[in-house]
């Protein structure tokens, strides 16, 4: 398995994309252009807040926290 990832600040007119190739029988290629990654990044951070509040004090790396999960809104 090989994974490549590049992070950058986009110039005017550039957008984020994902390209996947699964080499199997048959080979599958998927390209997702013009992704709104800023929404998914913010959503992931917001959904981590309850876990961070329950974590032990001190510096924590992501591997010491539970898997991130969707947090639904409660009606009050």
C-alpha atoms as a PDB file:
ATOM      1  CA  UNK A   1       0.000   0.000   0.000  1.00  0.00           C
ATOM      2  CA  UNK A   2       1.272   3.475  -0.827  1.00  0.00           C
ATOM      3  CA  UNK A   3      -0.168   6.809   0.284  1.00  0.00           C
ATOM      4  CA  UNK A   4       0.937  10.257  -0.815  1.00  0.00           C
ATOM      5  CA  UNK A   5      -0.385  13.484   0.651  1.00  0.00           C
ATOM      6  CA  UNK A   6       0.522  17.083  -0.036  1.00  0.00           C
ATOM      7  CA  UNK A   7      -0.544  20.033   2.071  1.00  0.00           C
ATOM      8  CA  UNK A   8      -0.382  23.536   0.731  1.00  0.00           C
ATOM      9  CA  UNK A   9      -1.912  26.988   0.756  1.00  0.00           C
ATOM     10  CA  UNK A  10      -3.827  27.328  -2.493  1.00  0.00           C
ATOM     11  CA  UNK A  11      -3.376  30.223  -4.856  1.00  0.00           C
ATOM     12  CA  UNK A  12      -6.328  32.056  -6.367  1.00  0.00           C
ATOM     13  CA  UNK A  13      -8.283  29.636  -8.566  1.00  0.00           C
ATOM     14  CA  UNK A  14      -6.704  26.446  -7.175  1.00  0.00           C
ATOM     15  CA  UNK A  15      -8.840  23.866  -5.359  1.00  0.00           C
ATOM     16  CA  UNK A  16      -8.319  20.724  -3.316  1.00  0.00           C
ATOM     17  CA  UNK A  17      -8.800  17.272  -4.836  1.00  0.00           C
ATOM     18  CA  UNK A  18      -8.442  13.585  -4.006  1.00  0.00           C
ATOM     19  CA  UNK A  19      -7.295  10.960  -6.465  1.00  0.00           C
ATOM     20  CA  UNK A  20      -7.605   7.286  -5.543  1.00  0.00           C
ATOM     21  CA  UNK A  21      -6.464   4.233  -7.450  1.00  0.00           C
ATOM     22  CA  UNK A  22      -7.177   0.755  -6.116  1.00  0.00           C
ATOM     23  CA  UNK A  23      -5.166  -1.777  -8.063  1.00  0.00           C
ATOM     24  CA  UNK A  24      -7.220  -4.928  -8.032  1.00  0.00           C
ATOM     25  CA  UNK A  25      -9.402  -6.859 -10.413  1.00  0.00           C
ATOM     26  CA  UNK A  26     -10.791  -4.594 -11.769  1.00  0.00           C
ATOM     27  CA  UNK A  27      -8.672  -1.493 -11.070  1.00  0.00           C
ATOM     28  CA  UNK A  28     -10.779   1.379  -9.746  1.00  0.00           C
ATOM     29  CA  UNK A  29      -9.891   5.071 -10.152  1.00  0.00           C
ATOM     30  CA  UNK A  30     -11.775   7.820  -8.317  1.00  0.00           C
ATOM     31  CA  UNK A  31     -11.160  11.557  -8.645  1.00  0.00           C
ATOM     32  CA  UNK A  32     -12.916  14.121  -6.465  1.00  0.00           C
ATOM     33  CA  UNK A  33     -12.320  17.711  -7.540  1.00  0.00           C
ATOM     34  CA  UNK A  34     -13.106  21.028  -5.901  1.00  0.00           C
ATOM     35  CA  UNK A  35     -13.540  19.612  -2.388  1.00  0.00           C
ATOM     36  CA  UNK A  36     -14.711  21.797   0.483  1.00  0.00           C
ATOM     37  CA  UNK A  37     -12.067  20.445   2.871  1.00  0.00           C
ATOM     38  CA  UNK A  38     -12.304  23.486   5.132  1.00  0.00           C
ATOM     39  CA  UNK A  39     -15.787  22.271   6.174  1.00  0.00           C
ATOM     40  CA  UNK A  40     -14.659  18.732   6.969  1.00  0.00           C
ATOM     41  CA  UNK A  41     -11.584  19.982   8.811  1.00  0.00           C
ATOM     42  CA  UNK A  42     -13.690  22.304  10.991  1.00  0.00           C
ATOM     43  CA  UNK A  43     -16.319  19.590  11.533  1.00  0.00           C
ATOM     44  CA  UNK A  44     -13.683  17.138  12.730  1.00  0.00           C
ATOM     45  CA  UNK A  45     -12.244  19.671  15.167  1.00  0.00           C
ATOM     46  CA  UNK A  46     -15.652  20.618  16.576  1.00  0.00           C
ATOM     47  CA  UNK A  47     -16.622  16.950  17.026  1.00  0.00           C
ATOM     48  CA  UNK A  48     -13.430  16.399  19.057  1.00  0.00           C
ATOM     49  CA  UNK A  49     -14.372  18.994  21.714  1.00  0.00           C
ATOM     50  CA  UNK A  50     -16.261  16.558  24.030  1.00  0.00           C
ATOM     51  CA  UNK A  51     -13.344  14.113  23.880  1.00  0.00           C
ATOM     52  CA  UNK A  52     -10.856  16.858  24.696  1.00  0.00           C
ATOM     53  CA  UNK A  53     -12.913  18.007  27.667  1.00  0.00           C
ATOM     54  CA  UNK A  54     -12.902  14.437  29.054  1.00  0.00           C
ATOM     55  CA  UNK A  55      -9.195  13.802  28.364  1.00  0.00           C
ATOM     56  CA  UNK A  56      -6.586  13.811  31.106  1.00  0.00           C
ATOM     57  CA  UNK A  57      -4.689  17.114  31.432  1.00  0.00           C
ATOM     58  CA  UNK A  58      -1.505  17.607  29.464  1.00  0.00           C
ATOM     59  CA  UNK A  59      -0.316  17.250  25.913  1.00  0.00           C
ATOM     60  CA  UNK A  60      -2.198  14.551  23.983  1.00  0.00           C
ATOM     61  CA  UNK A  61      -1.588  13.169  20.532  1.00  0.00           C
ATOM     62  CA  UNK A  62      -4.447  12.101  18.292  1.00  0.00           C
ATOM     63  CA  UNK A  63      -3.656   8.396  18.767  1.00  0.00           C
ATOM     64  CA  UNK A  64      -4.441   8.655  22.498  1.00  0.00           C
ATOM     65  CA  UNK A  65      -8.009   9.858  21.856  1.00  0.00           C
ATOM     66  CA  UNK A  66     -10.985   7.717  20.848  1.00  0.00           C
ATOM     67  CA  UNK A  67     -11.926   7.562  17.169  1.00  0.00           C
ATOM     68  CA  UNK A  68     -13.676  10.788  16.137  1.00  0.00           C
ATOM     69  CA  UNK A  69     -17.461  10.455  15.840  1.00  0.00           C
ATOM     70  CA  UNK A  70     -20.289  12.613  14.605  1.00  0.00           C
ATOM     71  CA  UNK A  71     -21.848  14.622  17.450  1.00  0.00           C
ATOM     72  CA  UNK A  72     -25.499  15.364  16.846  1.00  0.00           C
ATOM     73  CA  UNK A  73     -27.244  18.476  18.183  1.00  0.00           C
ATOM     74  CA  UNK A  74     -29.662  18.103  21.072  1.00  0.00           C
ATOM     75  CA  UNK A  75     -33.026  19.843  21.180  1.00  0.00           C
ATOM     76  CA  UNK A  76     -33.329  21.799  24.417  1.00  0.00           C
END
